[in-house]
Amino acid sequence: MFKVEEAKKEDLEKIYSLELQLFKEKSWTYNMLAKELQNFCSQIWVLKKEEEVLGYLIFREILDEVDILRMGIKLEYQNQKLGTLFLNFF
């Protein structure tokens, strides 16, 4: 089944690979993702099936406001309501 969890440093390569696949020339760099993971206001969540990263959600929470910065779902899993599942968990 699917699970949502906070991203760990070891998830960054998979997130970056997915970022490149989805956003191509507009993708964030690995360093940008790493900085968001370290930013105390930011969180990165991953959607996994077993240990496979199917998607990610990057957001910042400041006081009572949350801004979604980036979200991506693996191409072969799009149109299967996984984005909705992810946002409902959010």
PDB file of N, CA and C in Angstrom:
ATOM      1  N   MET A   1       0.833  -1.182   0.000  1.00  0.00           N
ATOM      2  CA  MET A   1       0.000   0.000   0.000  1.00  0.00           C
ATOM      3  C   MET A   1       0.881   1.249   0.000  1.00  0.00           C
ATOM      4  N   PHE A   2       0.270   2.399  -0.085  1.00  0.00           N
ATOM      5  CA  PHE A   2       0.983   3.667  -0.147  1.00  0.00           C
ATOM      6  C   PHE A   2       1.192   4.237   1.252  1.00  0.00           C
ATOM      7  N   LYS A   3       2.303   4.954   1.413  1.00  0.00           N
ATOM      8  CA  LYS A   3       2.542   5.635   2.681  1.00  0.00           C
ATOM      9  C   LYS A   3       3.156   7.000   2.399  1.00  0.00           C
ATOM     10  N   VAL A   4       2.866   7.940   3.280  1.00  0.00           N
ATOM     11  CA  VAL A   4       3.421   9.286   3.203  1.00  0.00           C
ATOM     12  C   VAL A   4       4.309   9.470   4.416  1.00  0.00           C
ATOM     13  N   GLU A   5       5.529   9.950   4.169  1.00  0.00           N
ATOM     14  CA  GLU A   5       6.453  10.177   5.270  1.00  0.00           C
ATOM     15  C   GLU A   5       7.358  11.358   4.949  1.00  0.00           C
ATOM     16  N   GLU A   6       7.973  11.898   5.986  1.00  0.00           N
ATOM     17  CA  GLU A   6       8.942  12.972   5.775  1.00  0.00           C
ATOM     18  C   GLU A   6      10.135  12.416   5.017  1.00  0.00           C
ATOM     19  N   ALA A   7      10.609  13.206   4.064  1.00  0.00           N
ATOM     20  CA  ALA A   7      11.773  12.792   3.284  1.00  0.00           C
ATOM     21  C   ALA A   7      13.014  12.786   4.165  1.00  0.00           C
ATOM     22  N   LYS A   8      13.894  11.864   3.844  1.00  0.00           N
ATOM     23  CA  LYS A   8      15.191  11.777   4.504  1.00  0.00           C
ATOM     24  C   LYS A   8      16.262  12.110   3.470  1.00  0.00           C
ATOM     25  N   LYS A   9      17.456  12.365   3.939  1.00  0.00           N
ATOM     26  CA  LYS A   9      18.551  12.707   3.037  1.00  0.00           C
ATOM     27  C   LYS A   9      18.723  11.635   1.956  1.00  0.00           C
ATOM     28  N   GLU A  10      18.527  10.387   2.320  1.00  0.00           N
ATOM     29  CA  GLU A  10      18.703   9.300   1.346  1.00  0.00           C
ATOM     30  C   GLU A  10      17.601   9.273   0.274  1.00  0.00           C
ATOM     31  N   ASP A  11      16.528  10.014   0.473  1.00  0.00           N
ATOM     32  CA  ASP A  11      15.461  10.115  -0.536  1.00  0.00           C
ATOM     33  C   ASP A  11      15.769  11.172  -1.600  1.00  0.00           C
ATOM     34  N   LEU A  12      16.731  12.056  -1.342  1.00  0.00           N
ATOM     35  CA  LEU A  12      16.966  13.194  -2.225  1.00  0.00           C
ATOM     36  C   LEU A  12      17.306  12.804  -3.656  1.00  0.00           C
ATOM     37  N   GLU A  13      18.114  11.779  -3.852  1.00  0.00           N
ATOM     38  CA  GLU A  13      18.469  11.355  -5.219  1.00  0.00           C
ATOM     39  C   GLU A  13      17.223  10.942  -5.993  1.00  0.00           C
ATOM     40  N   LYS A  14      16.333  10.216  -5.351  1.00  0.00           N
ATOM     41  CA  LYS A  14      15.098   9.771  -6.007  1.00  0.00           C
ATOM     42  C   LYS A  14      14.183  10.959  -6.293  1.00  0.00           C
ATOM     43  N   ILE A  15      14.098  11.886  -5.361  1.00  0.00           N
ATOM     44  CA  ILE A  15      13.283  13.081  -5.562  1.00  0.00           C
ATOM     45  C   ILE A  15      13.857  13.900  -6.721  1.00  0.00           C
ATOM     46  N   TYR A  16      15.169  14.069  -6.738  1.00  0.00           N
ATOM     47  CA  TYR A  16      15.810  14.837  -7.798  1.00  0.00           C
ATOM     48  C   TYR A  16      15.600  14.187  -9.163  1.00  0.00           C
ATOM     49  N   SER A  17      15.731  12.889  -9.227  1.00  0.00           N
ATOM     50  CA  SER A  17      15.509  12.174 -10.480  1.00  0.00           C
ATOM     51  C   SER A  17      14.081  12.383 -10.984  1.00  0.00           C
ATOM     52  N   LEU A  18      13.135  12.306 -10.069  1.00  0.00           N
ATOM     53  CA  LEU A  18      11.733  12.531 -10.407  1.00  0.00           C
ATOM     54  C   LEU A  18      11.511  13.980 -10.834  1.00  0.00           C
ATOM     55  N   GLU A  19      12.135  14.910 -10.147  1.00  0.00           N
ATOM     56  CA  GLU A  19      12.051  16.331 -10.489  1.00  0.00           C
ATOM     57  C   GLU A  19      12.516  16.568 -11.928  1.00  0.00           C
ATOM     58  N   LEU A  20      13.644  15.981 -12.308  1.00  0.00           N
ATOM     59  CA  LEU A  20      14.158  16.125 -13.675  1.00  0.00           C
ATOM     60  C   LEU A  20      13.198  15.532 -14.701  1.00  0.00           C
ATOM     61  N   GLN A  21      12.640  14.385 -14.393  1.00  0.00           N
ATOM     62  CA  GLN A  21      11.707  13.715 -15.300  1.00  0.00           C
ATOM     63  C   GLN A  21      10.453  14.563 -15.515  1.00  0.00           C
ATOM     64  N   LEU A  22       9.947  15.155 -14.452  1.00  0.00           N
ATOM     65  CA  LEU A  22       8.679  15.881 -14.521  1.00  0.00           C
ATOM     66  C   LEU A  22       8.812  17.312 -15.033  1.00  0.00           C
ATOM     67  N   PHE A  23       9.845  18.023 -14.600  1.00  0.00           N
ATOM     68  CA  PHE A  23       9.931  19.452 -14.880  1.00  0.00           C
ATOM     69  C   PHE A  23      11.023  19.825 -15.880  1.00  0.00           C
ATOM     70  N   LYS A  24      11.817  18.874 -16.291  1.00  0.00           N
ATOM     71  CA  LYS A  24      12.858  19.040 -17.301  1.00  0.00           C
ATOM     72  C   LYS A  24      13.694  20.302 -17.074  1.00  0.00           C
ATOM     73  N   GLU A  25      13.704  21.240 -18.014  1.00  0.00           N
ATOM     74  CA  GLU A  25      14.573  22.426 -17.897  1.00  0.00           C
ATOM     75  C   GLU A  25      14.137  23.381 -16.789  1.00  0.00           C
ATOM     76  N   LYS A  26      12.942  23.212 -16.252  1.00  0.00           N
ATOM     77  CA  LYS A  26      12.475  24.060 -15.154  1.00  0.00           C
ATOM     78  C   LYS A  26      12.619  23.368 -13.797  1.00  0.00           C
ATOM     79  N   SER A  27      13.340  22.257 -13.773  1.00  0.00           N
ATOM     80  CA  SER A  27      13.484  21.508 -12.520  1.00  0.00           C
ATOM     81  C   SER A  27      14.410  22.229 -11.553  1.00  0.00           C
ATOM     82  N   TRP A  28      14.198  21.960 -10.284  1.00  0.00           N
ATOM     83  CA  TRP A  28      15.077  22.467  -9.252  1.00  0.00           C
ATOM     84  C   TRP A  28      16.362  21.644  -9.278  1.00  0.00           C
ATOM     85  N   THR A  29      17.453  22.243  -8.841  1.00  0.00           N
ATOM     86  CA  THR A  29      18.718  21.529  -8.765  1.00  0.00           C
ATOM     87  C   THR A  29      18.729  20.641  -7.513  1.00  0.00           C
ATOM     88  N   TYR A  30      19.665  19.726  -7.486  1.00  0.00           N
ATOM     89  CA  TYR A  30      19.833  18.876  -6.305  1.00  0.00           C
ATOM     90  C   TYR A  30      20.112  19.747  -5.076  1.00  0.00           C
ATOM     91  N   ASN A  31      20.953  20.780  -5.254  1.00  0.00           N
ATOM     92  CA  ASN A  31      21.293  21.656  -4.127  1.00  0.00           C
ATOM     93  C   ASN A  31      20.078  22.423  -3.612  1.00  0.00           C
ATOM     94  N   MET A  32      19.193  22.843  -4.503  1.00  0.00           N
ATOM     95  CA  MET A  32      17.971  23.534  -4.080  1.00  0.00           C
ATOM     96  C   MET A  32      17.114  22.610  -3.222  1.00  0.00           C
ATOM     97  N   LEU A  33      16.983  21.359  -3.660  1.00  0.00           N
ATOM     98  CA  LEU A  33      16.205  20.385  -2.888  1.00  0.00           C
ATOM     99  C   LEU A  33      16.852  20.129  -1.530  1.00  0.00           C
ATOM    100  N   ALA A  34      18.177  19.987  -1.519  1.00  0.00           N
ATOM    101  CA  ALA A  34      18.899  19.740  -0.269  1.00  0.00           C
ATOM    102  C   ALA A  34      18.725  20.907   0.701  1.00  0.00           C
ATOM    103  N   LYS A  35      18.740  22.139   0.181  1.00  0.00           N
ATOM    104  CA  LYS A  35      18.543  23.313   1.043  1.00  0.00           C
ATOM    105  C   LYS A  35      17.132  23.335   1.626  1.00  0.00           C
ATOM    106  N   GLU A  36      16.149  22.945   0.835  1.00  0.00           N
ATOM    107  CA  GLU A  36      14.783  22.893   1.358  1.00  0.00           C
ATOM    108  C   GLU A  36      14.659  21.844   2.454  1.00  0.00           C
ATOM    109  N   LEU A  37      15.355  20.724   2.294  1.00  0.00           N
ATOM    110  CA  LEU A  37      15.317  19.675   3.307  1.00  0.00           C
ATOM    111  C   LEU A  37      15.912  20.179   4.626  1.00  0.00           C
ATOM    112  N   GLN A  38      16.891  21.071   4.547  1.00  0.00           N
ATOM    113  CA  GLN A  38      17.545  21.599   5.741  1.00  0.00           C
ATOM    114  C   GLN A  38      16.865  22.836   6.303  1.00  0.00           C
ATOM    115  N   ASN A  39      16.018  23.496   5.523  1.00  0.00           N
ATOM    116  CA  ASN A  39      15.354  24.726   5.936  1.00  0.00           C
ATOM    117  C   ASN A  39      14.344  24.413   7.048  1.00  0.00           C
ATOM    118  N   PHE A  40      14.453  25.103   8.174  1.00  0.00           N
ATOM    119  CA  PHE A  40      13.572  24.797   9.318  1.00  0.00           C
ATOM    120  C   PHE A  40      12.105  25.143   9.039  1.00  0.00           C
ATOM    121  N   CYS A  41      11.833  25.993   8.058  1.00  0.00           N
ATOM    122  CA  CYS A  41      10.447  26.341   7.712  1.00  0.00           C
ATOM    123  C   CYS A  41       9.860  25.394   6.666  1.00  0.00           C
ATOM    124  N   SER A  42      10.713  24.640   6.006  1.00  0.00           N
ATOM    125  CA  SER A  42      10.274  23.781   4.904  1.00  0.00           C
ATOM    126  C   SER A  42      10.161  22.330   5.334  1.00  0.00           C
ATOM    127  N   GLN A  43       9.300  21.637   4.621  1.00  0.00           N
ATOM    128  CA  GLN A  43       9.203  20.186   4.781  1.00  0.00           C
ATOM    129  C   GLN A  43       9.087  19.563   3.400  1.00  0.00           C
ATOM    130  N   ILE A  44       9.641  18.389   3.278  1.00  0.00           N
ATOM    131  CA  ILE A  44       9.472  17.592   2.064  1.00  0.00           C
ATOM    132  C   ILE A  44       8.880  16.268   2.500  1.00  0.00           C
ATOM    133  N   TRP A  45       7.750  15.934   1.921  1.00  0.00           N
ATOM    134  CA  TRP A  45       7.121  14.643   2.163  1.00  0.00           C
ATOM    135  C   TRP A  45       7.245  13.802   0.907  1.00  0.00           C
ATOM    136  N   VAL A  46       7.362  12.507   1.088  1.00  0.00           N
ATOM    137  CA  VAL A  46       7.399  11.588  -0.043  1.00  0.00           C
ATOM    138  C   VAL A  46       6.237  10.611   0.055  1.00  0.00           C
ATOM    139  N   LEU A  47       5.737  10.261  -1.100  1.00  0.00           N
ATOM    140  CA  LEU A  47       4.700   9.238  -1.231  1.00  0.00           C
ATOM    141  C   LEU A  47       5.406   7.995  -1.735  1.00  0.00           C
ATOM    142  N   LYS A  48       5.303   6.908  -0.966  1.00  0.00           N
ATOM    143  CA  LYS A  48       6.033   5.689  -1.312  1.00  0.00           C
ATOM    144  C   LYS A  48       5.102   4.494  -1.425  1.00  0.00           C
ATOM    145  N   LYS A  49       5.510   3.585  -2.260  1.00  0.00           N
ATOM    146  CA  LYS A  49       4.920   2.248  -2.331  1.00  0.00           C
ATOM    147  C   LYS A  49       6.083   1.322  -2.059  1.00  0.00           C
ATOM    148  N   GLU A  50       6.043   0.685  -0.908  1.00  0.00           N
ATOM    149  CA  GLU A  50       7.197  -0.029  -0.372  1.00  0.00           C
ATOM    150  C   GLU A  50       8.319   0.993  -0.240  1.00  0.00           C
ATOM    151  N   GLU A  51       9.433   0.833  -0.905  1.00  0.00           N
ATOM    152  CA  GLU A  51      10.508   1.828  -0.799  1.00  0.00           C
ATOM    153  C   GLU A  51      10.644   2.685  -2.056  1.00  0.00           C
ATOM    154  N   GLU A  52       9.746   2.495  -3.020  1.00  0.00           N
ATOM    155  CA  GLU A  52       9.785   3.275  -4.256  1.00  0.00           C
ATOM    156  C   GLU A  52       9.122   4.636  -4.031  1.00  0.00           C
ATOM    157  N   VAL A  53       9.830   5.706  -4.353  1.00  0.00           N
ATOM    158  CA  VAL A  53       9.278   7.055  -4.241  1.00  0.00           C
ATOM    159  C   VAL A  53       8.415   7.310  -5.477  1.00  0.00           C
ATOM    160  N   LEU A  54       7.111   7.518  -5.241  1.00  0.00           N
ATOM    161  CA  LEU A  54       6.166   7.767  -6.329  1.00  0.00           C
ATOM    162  C   LEU A  54       5.877   9.251  -6.494  1.00  0.00           C
ATOM    163  N   GLY A  55       6.127  10.020  -5.446  1.00  0.00           N
ATOM    164  CA  GLY A  55       5.844  11.442  -5.516  1.00  0.00           C
ATOM    165  C   GLY A  55       6.442  12.177  -4.343  1.00  0.00           C
ATOM    166  N   TYR A  56       6.385  13.494  -4.427  1.00  0.00           N
ATOM    167  CA  TYR A  56       6.904  14.330  -3.353  1.00  0.00           C
ATOM    168  C   TYR A  56       6.113  15.621  -3.277  1.00  0.00           C
ATOM    169  N   LEU A  57       6.141  16.217  -2.113  1.00  0.00           N
ATOM    170  CA  LEU A  57       5.458  17.478  -1.849  1.00  0.00           C
ATOM    171  C   LEU A  57       6.417  18.333  -1.022  1.00  0.00           C
ATOM    172  N   ILE A  58       6.684  19.539  -1.498  1.00  0.00           N
ATOM    173  CA  ILE A  58       7.571  20.458  -0.794  1.00  0.00           C
ATOM    174  C   ILE A  58       6.733  21.657  -0.371  1.00  0.00           C
ATOM    175  N   PHE A  59       6.781  21.973   0.914  1.00  0.00           N
ATOM    176  CA  PHE A  59       5.996  23.104   1.389  1.00  0.00           C
ATOM    177  C   PHE A  59       6.718  23.810   2.534  1.00  0.00           C
ATOM    178  N   ARG A  60       6.302  25.059   2.749  1.00  0.00           N
ATOM    179  CA  ARG A  60       6.821  25.848   3.865  1.00  0.00           C
ATOM    180  C   ARG A  60       5.666  26.230   4.772  1.00  0.00           C
ATOM    181  N   GLU A  61       5.930  26.113   6.050  1.00  0.00           N
ATOM    182  CA  GLU A  61       4.931  26.462   7.059  1.00  0.00           C
ATOM    183  C   GLU A  61       5.501  27.556   7.943  1.00  0.00           C
ATOM    184  N   ILE A  62       4.843  28.704   7.903  1.00  0.00           N
ATOM    185  CA  ILE A  62       5.273  29.845   8.716  1.00  0.00           C
ATOM    186  C   ILE A  62       4.050  30.351   9.470  1.00  0.00           C
ATOM    187  N   LEU A  63       4.127  30.266  10.796  1.00  0.00           N
ATOM    188  CA  LEU A  63       3.011  30.608  11.683  1.00  0.00           C
ATOM    189  C   LEU A  63       1.774  29.812  11.273  1.00  0.00           C
ATOM    190  N   ASP A  64       0.719  30.480  10.853  1.00  0.00           N
ATOM    191  CA  ASP A  64      -0.513  29.764  10.504  1.00  0.00           C
ATOM    192  C   ASP A  64      -0.727  29.679   8.990  1.00  0.00           C
ATOM    193  N   GLU A  65       0.351  29.833   8.229  1.00  0.00           N
ATOM    194  CA  GLU A  65       0.258  29.818   6.773  1.00  0.00           C
ATOM    195  C   GLU A  65       1.139  28.717   6.192  1.00  0.00           C
ATOM    196  N   VAL A  66       0.612  28.028   5.190  1.00  0.00           N
ATOM    197  CA  VAL A  66       1.368  26.981   4.509  1.00  0.00           C
ATOM    198  C   VAL A  66       1.368  27.289   3.020  1.00  0.00           C
ATOM    199  N   ASP A  67       2.550  27.263   2.412  1.00  0.00           N
ATOM    200  CA  ASP A  67       2.682  27.466   0.977  1.00  0.00           C
ATOM    201  C   ASP A  67       3.256  26.206   0.348  1.00  0.00           C
ATOM    202  N   ILE A  68       2.531  25.646  -0.621  1.00  0.00           N
ATOM    203  CA  ILE A  68       3.038  24.502  -1.374  1.00  0.00           C
ATOM    204  C   ILE A  68       3.974  25.044  -2.446  1.00  0.00           C
ATOM    205  N   LEU A  69       5.210  24.588  -2.421  1.00  0.00           N
ATOM    206  CA  LEU A  69       6.216  25.062  -3.361  1.00  0.00           C
ATOM    207  C   LEU A  69       6.337  24.171  -4.586  1.00  0.00           C
ATOM    208  N   ARG A  70       6.164  22.869  -4.380  1.00  0.00           N
ATOM    209  CA  ARG A  70       6.391  21.925  -5.473  1.00  0.00           C
ATOM    210  C   ARG A  70       5.692  20.622  -5.147  1.00  0.00           C
ATOM    211  N   MET A  71       5.158  19.993  -6.179  1.00  0.00           N
ATOM    212  CA  MET A  71       4.548  18.671  -6.014  1.00  0.00           C
ATOM    213  C   MET A  71       4.752  17.906  -7.304  1.00  0.00           C
ATOM    214  N   GLY A  72       5.074  16.639  -7.181  1.00  0.00           N
ATOM    215  CA  GLY A  72       5.250  15.816  -8.364  1.00  0.00           C
ATOM    216  C   GLY A  72       4.864  14.378  -8.095  1.00  0.00           C
ATOM    217  N   ILE A  73       4.259  13.766  -9.110  1.00  0.00           N
ATOM    218  CA  ILE A  73       3.898  12.346  -9.073  1.00  0.00           C
ATOM    219  C   ILE A  73       4.528  11.684 -10.290  1.00  0.00           C
ATOM    220  N   LYS A  74       5.152  10.549 -10.085  1.00  0.00           N
ATOM    221  CA  LYS A  74       5.779   9.789 -11.168  1.00  0.00           C
ATOM    222  C   LYS A  74       4.810   9.647 -12.337  1.00  0.00           C
ATOM    223  N   LEU A  75       5.305   9.842 -13.560  1.00  0.00           N
ATOM    224  CA  LEU A  75       4.450   9.834 -14.748  1.00  0.00           C
ATOM    225  C   LEU A  75       3.556   8.605 -14.837  1.00  0.00           C
ATOM    226  N   GLU A  76       4.111   7.436 -14.590  1.00  0.00           N
ATOM    227  CA  GLU A  76       3.320   6.208 -14.742  1.00  0.00           C
ATOM    228  C   GLU A  76       2.257   6.033 -13.655  1.00  0.00           C
ATOM    229  N   TYR A  77       2.286   6.879 -12.629  1.00  0.00           N
ATOM    230  CA  TYR A  77       1.283   6.820 -11.568  1.00  0.00           C
ATOM    231  C   TYR A  77       0.318   8.010 -11.614  1.00  0.00           C
ATOM    232  N   GLN A  78       0.490   8.889 -12.594  1.00  0.00           N
ATOM    233  CA  GLN A  78      -0.431  10.017 -12.720  1.00  0.00           C
ATOM    234  C   GLN A  78      -1.797   9.532 -13.199  1.00  0.00           C
ATOM    235  N   ASN A  79      -2.814  10.327 -12.932  1.00  0.00           N
ATOM    236  CA  ASN A  79      -4.209  10.019 -13.295  1.00  0.00           C
ATOM    237  C   ASN A  79      -4.748   8.792 -12.565  1.00  0.00           C
ATOM    238  N   GLN A  80      -4.195   8.518 -11.378  1.00  0.00           N
ATOM    239  CA  GLN A  80      -4.666   7.415 -10.550  1.00  0.00           C
ATOM    240  C   GLN A  80      -5.076   7.913  -9.160  1.00  0.00           C
ATOM    241  N   LYS A  81      -5.294   9.210  -9.042  1.00  0.00           N
ATOM    242  CA  LYS A  81      -5.760   9.851  -7.799  1.00  0.00           C
ATOM    243  C   LYS A  81      -4.697   9.886  -6.691  1.00  0.00           C
ATOM    244  N   LEU A  82      -3.418   9.664  -7.040  1.00  0.00           N
ATOM    245  CA  LEU A  82      -2.375   9.693  -6.010  1.00  0.00           C
ATOM    246  C   LEU A  82      -2.094  11.114  -5.544  1.00  0.00           C
ATOM    247  N   GLY A  83      -2.203  12.089  -6.436  1.00  0.00           N
ATOM    248  CA  GLY A  83      -2.049  13.478  -6.034  1.00  0.00           C
ATOM    249  C   GLY A  83      -3.122  13.874  -5.049  1.00  0.00           C
ATOM    250  N   THR A  84      -4.342  13.425  -5.302  1.00  0.00           N
ATOM    251  CA  THR A  84      -5.457  13.690  -4.391  1.00  0.00           C
ATOM    252  C   THR A  84      -5.222  13.019  -3.043  1.00  0.00           C
ATOM    253  N   LEU A  85      -4.769  11.776  -3.074  1.00  0.00           N
ATOM    254  CA  LEU A  85      -4.455  11.054  -1.834  1.00  0.00           C
ATOM    255  C   LEU A  85      -3.401  11.810  -1.034  1.00  0.00           C
ATOM    256  N   PHE A  86      -2.375  12.278  -1.743  1.00  0.00           N
ATOM    257  CA  PHE A  86      -1.294  13.013  -1.121  1.00  0.00           C
ATOM    258  C   PHE A  86      -1.815  14.300  -0.473  1.00  0.00           C
ATOM    259  N   LEU A  87      -2.616  15.066  -1.208  1.00  0.00           N
ATOM    260  CA  LEU A  87      -3.125  16.327  -0.672  1.00  0.00           C
ATOM    261  C   LEU A  87      -4.131  16.104   0.459  1.00  0.00           C
ATOM    262  N   ASN A  88      -4.887  15.030   0.402  1.00  0.00           N
ATOM    263  CA  ASN A  88      -5.804  14.718   1.519  1.00  0.00           C
ATOM    264  C   ASN A  88      -5.033  14.417   2.788  1.00  0.00           C
ATOM    265  N   PHE A  89      -3.885  13.768   2.659  1.00  0.00           N
ATOM    266  CA  PHE A  89      -3.031  13.503   3.815  1.00  0.00           C
ATOM    267  C   PHE A  89      -2.489  14.822   4.371  1.00  0.00           C
ATOM    268  N   PHE A  90      -2.180  15.727   3.474  1.00  0.00           N
ATOM    269  CA  PHE A  90      -1.647  17.039   3.812  1.00  0.00           C
ATOM    270  C   PHE A  90      -2.658  17.803   4.643  1.00  0.00           C
TER     271      PHE A  90
END
